[in-house]
């Protein structure tokens, strides 16, 4: 499904996708591997924004859960970076099944 030369040539773009999801959209839009990880990065980014907005609005309990949610987002980003660095196409736990980019 994913070409091994595509994976080798675009590992850096796939890793960057978890930090700045839009970079692979601009620099490696022809790579299926980089686009897969860009989708995962975009999903992670939107999850982080949504969690931060919702939990910051909820008094006390939301404020307690906010650092835990941000820690979970960081863990998911690290898992994605590790998978990209190893050349794997592996969805992130919980949020990885959503496809926002085609």
N, C-alpha and C. Protein backbone atom coordinates (compact mmCIF):
# COMPACT_ATOMS: atom_id res chain seq x y z
N UNK A 1 0.82 -1.19 0.00
CA UNK A 1 0.00 0.00 0.00
C UNK A 1 0.87 1.27 0.00
N UNK A 2 1.88 1.29 0.84
CA UNK A 2 2.80 2.44 0.90
C UNK A 2 4.15 2.01 0.35
N UNK A 3 4.68 2.79 -0.58
CA UNK A 3 5.94 2.50 -1.25
C UNK A 3 7.11 2.73 -0.29
N UNK A 4 8.05 1.79 -0.25
CA UNK A 4 9.17 1.90 0.69
C UNK A 4 10.07 3.10 0.37
N UNK A 5 10.22 3.46 -0.90
CA UNK A 5 11.01 4.66 -1.22
C UNK A 5 10.30 5.92 -0.78
N UNK A 6 8.97 5.93 -0.90
CA UNK A 6 8.18 7.06 -0.42
C UNK A 6 8.37 7.22 1.09
N UNK A 7 8.33 6.10 1.81
CA UNK A 7 8.52 6.15 3.26
C UNK A 7 9.91 6.67 3.61
N UNK A 8 10.93 6.15 2.96
CA UNK A 8 12.30 6.59 3.26
C UNK A 8 12.53 8.06 2.92
N UNK A 9 11.98 8.51 1.80
CA UNK A 9 12.19 9.89 1.37
C UNK A 9 11.40 10.91 2.18
N UNK A 10 10.33 10.48 2.82
CA UNK A 10 9.44 11.43 3.50
C UNK A 10 9.28 11.19 4.99
N UNK A 11 10.22 10.46 5.60
CA UNK A 11 10.15 10.26 7.06
C UNK A 11 10.22 11.59 7.81
N UNK A 12 11.08 12.48 7.36
CA UNK A 12 11.22 13.77 8.05
C UNK A 12 9.93 14.56 7.97
N UNK A 13 9.27 14.56 6.82
CA UNK A 13 8.00 15.26 6.68
C UNK A 13 6.93 14.63 7.58
N UNK A 14 6.95 13.31 7.68
CA UNK A 14 5.97 12.62 8.53
C UNK A 14 6.19 12.97 10.00
N UNK A 15 7.44 13.10 10.41
CA UNK A 15 7.75 13.48 11.80
C UNK A 15 7.31 14.91 12.05
N UNK A 16 7.60 15.79 11.12
CA UNK A 16 7.23 17.21 11.25
C UNK A 16 5.71 17.37 11.33
N UNK A 17 4.97 16.45 10.71
CA UNK A 17 3.50 16.54 10.69
C UNK A 17 2.89 16.56 12.09
N UNK A 18 3.57 15.99 13.06
CA UNK A 18 3.03 15.98 14.43
C UNK A 18 3.35 17.26 15.19
N UNK A 19 4.23 18.07 14.63
CA UNK A 19 4.57 19.34 15.25
C UNK A 19 3.87 20.48 14.52
N UNK A 20 3.99 20.48 13.20
CA UNK A 20 3.34 21.48 12.33
C UNK A 20 2.68 20.71 11.19
N UNK A 21 1.42 20.34 11.36
CA UNK A 21 0.75 19.45 10.42
C UNK A 21 0.69 19.99 9.00
N UNK A 22 0.75 21.31 8.81
CA UNK A 22 0.57 21.89 7.49
C UNK A 22 1.83 21.84 6.63
N UNK A 23 2.99 21.62 7.21
CA UNK A 23 4.24 21.58 6.43
C UNK A 23 4.21 20.46 5.39
N UNK A 24 3.85 19.22 5.75
CA UNK A 24 3.77 18.19 4.71
C UNK A 24 2.70 18.47 3.66
N UNK A 25 1.66 19.21 4.05
CA UNK A 25 0.63 19.56 3.07
C UNK A 25 1.20 20.44 1.97
N UNK A 26 2.18 21.25 2.31
CA UNK A 26 2.80 22.14 1.34
C UNK A 26 4.00 21.51 0.65
N UNK A 27 4.83 20.78 1.42
CA UNK A 27 6.11 20.31 0.89
C UNK A 27 6.08 18.88 0.34
N UNK A 28 5.15 18.06 0.79
CA UNK A 28 5.16 16.65 0.36
C UNK A 28 3.75 16.16 0.04
N UNK A 29 2.98 16.97 -0.67
CA UNK A 29 1.59 16.60 -0.92
C UNK A 29 1.43 15.40 -1.85
N UNK A 30 2.49 15.01 -2.55
CA UNK A 30 2.41 13.84 -3.42
C UNK A 30 2.73 12.54 -2.69
N UNK A 31 3.19 12.63 -1.45
CA UNK A 31 3.57 11.45 -0.66
C UNK A 31 2.39 10.94 0.16
N UNK A 32 1.99 9.69 -0.10
CA UNK A 32 0.89 9.09 0.68
C UNK A 32 1.29 8.94 2.14
N UNK A 33 2.56 8.59 2.38
CA UNK A 33 3.06 8.39 3.74
C UNK A 33 3.03 9.70 4.53
N UNK A 34 3.55 10.76 3.95
CA UNK A 34 3.56 12.06 4.63
C UNK A 34 2.14 12.58 4.83
N UNK A 35 1.27 12.37 3.86
CA UNK A 35 -0.12 12.83 3.98
C UNK A 35 -0.87 12.05 5.06
N UNK A 36 -0.57 10.76 5.20
CA UNK A 36 -1.20 9.99 6.27
C UNK A 36 -0.84 10.59 7.63
N UNK A 37 0.44 10.89 7.82
CA UNK A 37 0.87 11.46 9.10
C UNK A 37 0.42 12.91 9.26
N UNK A 38 0.28 13.64 8.15
CA UNK A 38 -0.28 14.99 8.23
C UNK A 38 -1.74 14.93 8.70
N UNK A 39 -2.48 13.93 8.24
CA UNK A 39 -3.85 13.74 8.70
C UNK A 39 -3.88 13.44 10.20
N UNK A 40 -2.98 12.58 10.64
CA UNK A 40 -2.90 12.26 12.06
C UNK A 40 -2.52 13.50 12.87
N UNK A 41 -1.59 14.29 12.36
CA UNK A 41 -1.18 15.52 13.03
C UNK A 41 -2.31 16.54 13.10
N UNK A 42 -3.07 16.67 12.02
CA UNK A 42 -4.21 17.59 12.01
C UNK A 42 -5.27 17.14 13.01
N UNK A 43 -5.56 15.85 13.03
CA UNK A 43 -6.54 15.31 13.99
C UNK A 43 -6.08 15.57 15.42
N UNK A 44 -4.80 15.37 15.68
CA UNK A 44 -4.25 15.61 17.02
C UNK A 44 -4.33 17.09 17.38
N UNK A 45 -4.02 17.96 16.42
CA UNK A 45 -4.09 19.40 16.66
C UNK A 45 -5.52 19.85 16.99
N UNK A 46 -6.48 19.39 16.20
CA UNK A 46 -7.87 19.77 16.44
C UNK A 46 -8.39 19.21 17.77
N UNK A 47 -7.94 18.01 18.12
CA UNK A 47 -8.30 17.44 19.42
C UNK A 47 -7.74 18.29 20.55
N UNK A 48 -6.49 18.73 20.40
CA UNK A 48 -5.86 19.57 21.43
C UNK A 48 -6.59 20.89 21.58
N UNK A 49 -6.92 21.53 20.47
CA UNK A 49 -7.64 22.81 20.52
C UNK A 49 -9.00 22.63 21.18
N UNK A 50 -9.73 21.62 20.75
CA UNK A 50 -11.06 21.36 21.31
C UNK A 50 -10.99 21.06 22.81
N UNK A 51 -10.06 20.21 23.21
CA UNK A 51 -9.92 19.86 24.62
C UNK A 51 -9.57 21.08 25.45
N UNK A 52 -8.67 21.92 24.95
CA UNK A 52 -8.28 23.11 25.70
C UNK A 52 -9.42 24.11 25.82
N UNK A 53 -10.19 24.28 24.77
CA UNK A 53 -11.31 25.22 24.83
C UNK A 53 -12.38 24.70 25.79
N UNK A 54 -12.78 23.44 25.62
CA UNK A 54 -13.86 22.89 26.45
C UNK A 54 -13.44 22.83 27.91
N UNK A 55 -12.26 22.31 28.18
CA UNK A 55 -11.86 22.15 29.58
C UNK A 55 -11.54 23.48 30.27
N UNK A 56 -11.15 24.49 29.52
CA UNK A 56 -10.90 25.79 30.16
C UNK A 56 -12.20 26.52 30.49
N UNK A 57 -13.28 26.17 29.82
CA UNK A 57 -14.58 26.78 30.10
C UNK A 57 -15.21 26.18 31.36
N UNK A 58 -15.01 24.88 31.55
CA UNK A 58 -15.62 24.18 32.69
C UNK A 58 -14.85 24.52 33.97
N UNK A 59 -15.53 25.11 34.95
CA UNK A 59 -14.84 25.48 36.19
C UNK A 59 -14.40 24.26 37.01
N UNK A 60 -13.35 24.40 37.70
CA UNK A 60 -12.74 23.48 38.66
C UNK A 60 -12.41 22.10 38.06
N UNK A 61 -13.40 21.30 37.72
CA UNK A 61 -13.10 19.96 37.17
C UNK A 61 -12.37 20.08 35.84
N UNK A 62 -12.82 21.00 34.99
CA UNK A 62 -12.14 21.21 33.72
C UNK A 62 -10.72 21.69 33.93
N UNK A 63 -10.53 22.56 34.89
CA UNK A 63 -9.19 23.08 35.17
C UNK A 63 -8.27 22.00 35.72
N UNK A 64 -8.84 21.05 36.43
CA UNK A 64 -8.05 19.92 36.94
C UNK A 64 -7.70 18.96 35.80
N UNK A 65 -8.66 18.73 34.91
CA UNK A 65 -8.45 17.79 33.80
C UNK A 65 -7.60 18.35 32.67
N UNK A 66 -7.50 19.66 32.56
CA UNK A 66 -6.77 20.29 31.46
C UNK A 66 -5.30 19.85 31.38
N UNK A 67 -4.54 19.86 32.47
CA UNK A 67 -3.14 19.40 32.36
C UNK A 67 -3.04 17.92 32.00
N UNK A 68 -3.99 17.13 32.47
CA UNK A 68 -3.99 15.69 32.14
C UNK A 68 -4.26 15.50 30.65
N UNK A 69 -5.20 16.26 30.12
CA UNK A 69 -5.51 16.18 28.69
C UNK A 69 -4.32 16.63 27.85
N UNK A 70 -3.65 17.70 28.27
CA UNK A 70 -2.48 18.17 27.53
C UNK A 70 -1.32 17.17 27.60
N UNK A 71 -1.18 16.50 28.71
CA UNK A 71 -0.17 15.45 28.82
C UNK A 71 -0.51 14.29 27.87
N UNK A 72 -1.77 13.92 27.81
CA UNK A 72 -2.21 12.86 26.89
C UNK A 72 -1.96 13.26 25.44
N UNK A 73 -2.17 14.53 25.10
CA UNK A 73 -1.90 15.03 23.74
C UNK A 73 -0.41 14.90 23.43
N UNK A 74 0.43 15.25 24.39
CA UNK A 74 1.89 15.13 24.20
C UNK A 74 2.30 13.68 24.00
N UNK A 75 1.70 12.78 24.77
CA UNK A 75 2.00 11.35 24.63
C UNK A 75 1.59 10.85 23.25
N UNK A 76 0.42 11.26 22.78
CA UNK A 76 -0.03 10.87 21.44
C UNK A 76 0.91 11.41 20.36
N UNK A 77 1.37 12.64 20.53
CA UNK A 77 2.30 13.22 19.56
C UNK A 77 3.61 12.43 19.53
N UNK A 78 4.10 12.04 20.69
CA UNK A 78 5.33 11.26 20.75
C UNK A 78 5.14 9.89 20.10
N UNK A 79 4.00 9.27 20.36
CA UNK A 79 3.71 7.98 19.71
C UNK A 79 3.68 8.12 18.19
N UNK A 80 3.08 9.20 17.70
CA UNK A 80 3.03 9.44 16.26
C UNK A 80 4.41 9.70 15.68
N UNK A 81 5.22 10.46 16.38
CA UNK A 81 6.59 10.74 15.91
C UNK A 81 7.40 9.45 15.86
N UNK A 82 7.26 8.61 16.86
CA UNK A 82 7.99 7.33 16.87
C UNK A 82 7.55 6.45 15.70
N UNK A 83 6.24 6.37 15.47
CA UNK A 83 5.74 5.56 14.35
C UNK A 83 6.25 6.10 13.02
N UNK A 84 6.24 7.42 12.86
CA UNK A 84 6.73 8.02 11.61
C UNK A 84 8.22 7.78 11.43
N UNK A 85 8.99 7.90 12.49
CA UNK A 85 10.44 7.69 12.41
C UNK A 85 10.77 6.24 12.07
N UNK A 86 9.92 5.32 12.49
CA UNK A 86 10.14 3.90 12.18
C UNK A 86 9.55 3.49 10.84
N UNK A 87 8.93 4.44 10.14
CA UNK A 87 8.34 4.16 8.84
C UNK A 87 7.04 3.38 8.92
N UNK A 88 6.36 3.46 10.04
CA UNK A 88 5.11 2.73 10.22
C UNK A 88 3.90 3.60 9.89
N UNK A 89 2.86 2.95 9.41
CA UNK A 89 1.58 3.61 9.18
C UNK A 89 0.64 3.01 10.21
N UNK A 90 0.62 3.64 11.37
CA UNK A 90 -0.11 3.12 12.52
C UNK A 90 -0.97 4.25 13.09
N UNK A 91 -2.28 4.04 13.20
CA UNK A 91 -3.13 5.11 13.72
C UNK A 91 -2.86 5.38 15.20
N UNK A 92 -3.04 6.64 15.59
CA UNK A 92 -2.91 7.01 16.99
C UNK A 92 -4.03 6.38 17.79
N UNK A 93 -3.76 6.02 19.04
CA UNK A 93 -4.85 5.48 19.87
C UNK A 93 -5.98 6.51 20.03
N UNK A 94 -7.18 6.06 20.08
CA UNK A 94 -8.43 6.80 20.31
C UNK A 94 -8.81 7.70 19.12
N UNK A 95 -7.93 8.58 18.67
CA UNK A 95 -8.31 9.55 17.64
C UNK A 95 -7.81 9.20 16.24
N UNK A 96 -7.02 8.14 16.11
CA UNK A 96 -6.38 7.81 14.84
C UNK A 96 -7.29 7.30 13.74
N UNK A 97 -8.50 6.94 14.07
CA UNK A 97 -9.39 6.37 13.06
C UNK A 97 -10.09 7.43 12.21
N UNK A 98 -9.96 8.70 12.58
CA UNK A 98 -10.62 9.77 11.83
C UNK A 98 -9.76 10.23 10.67
N UNK A 99 -10.37 10.37 9.50
CA UNK A 99 -9.67 10.84 8.32
C UNK A 99 -10.23 12.19 7.92
N UNK A 100 -9.41 13.23 8.07
CA UNK A 100 -9.82 14.58 7.73
C UNK A 100 -9.28 15.01 6.38
N UNK A 101 -8.13 14.45 5.99
CA UNK A 101 -7.51 14.78 4.71
C UNK A 101 -7.57 13.57 3.79
N UNK A 102 -7.82 13.83 2.53
CA UNK A 102 -7.84 12.74 1.55
C UNK A 102 -6.55 12.71 0.79
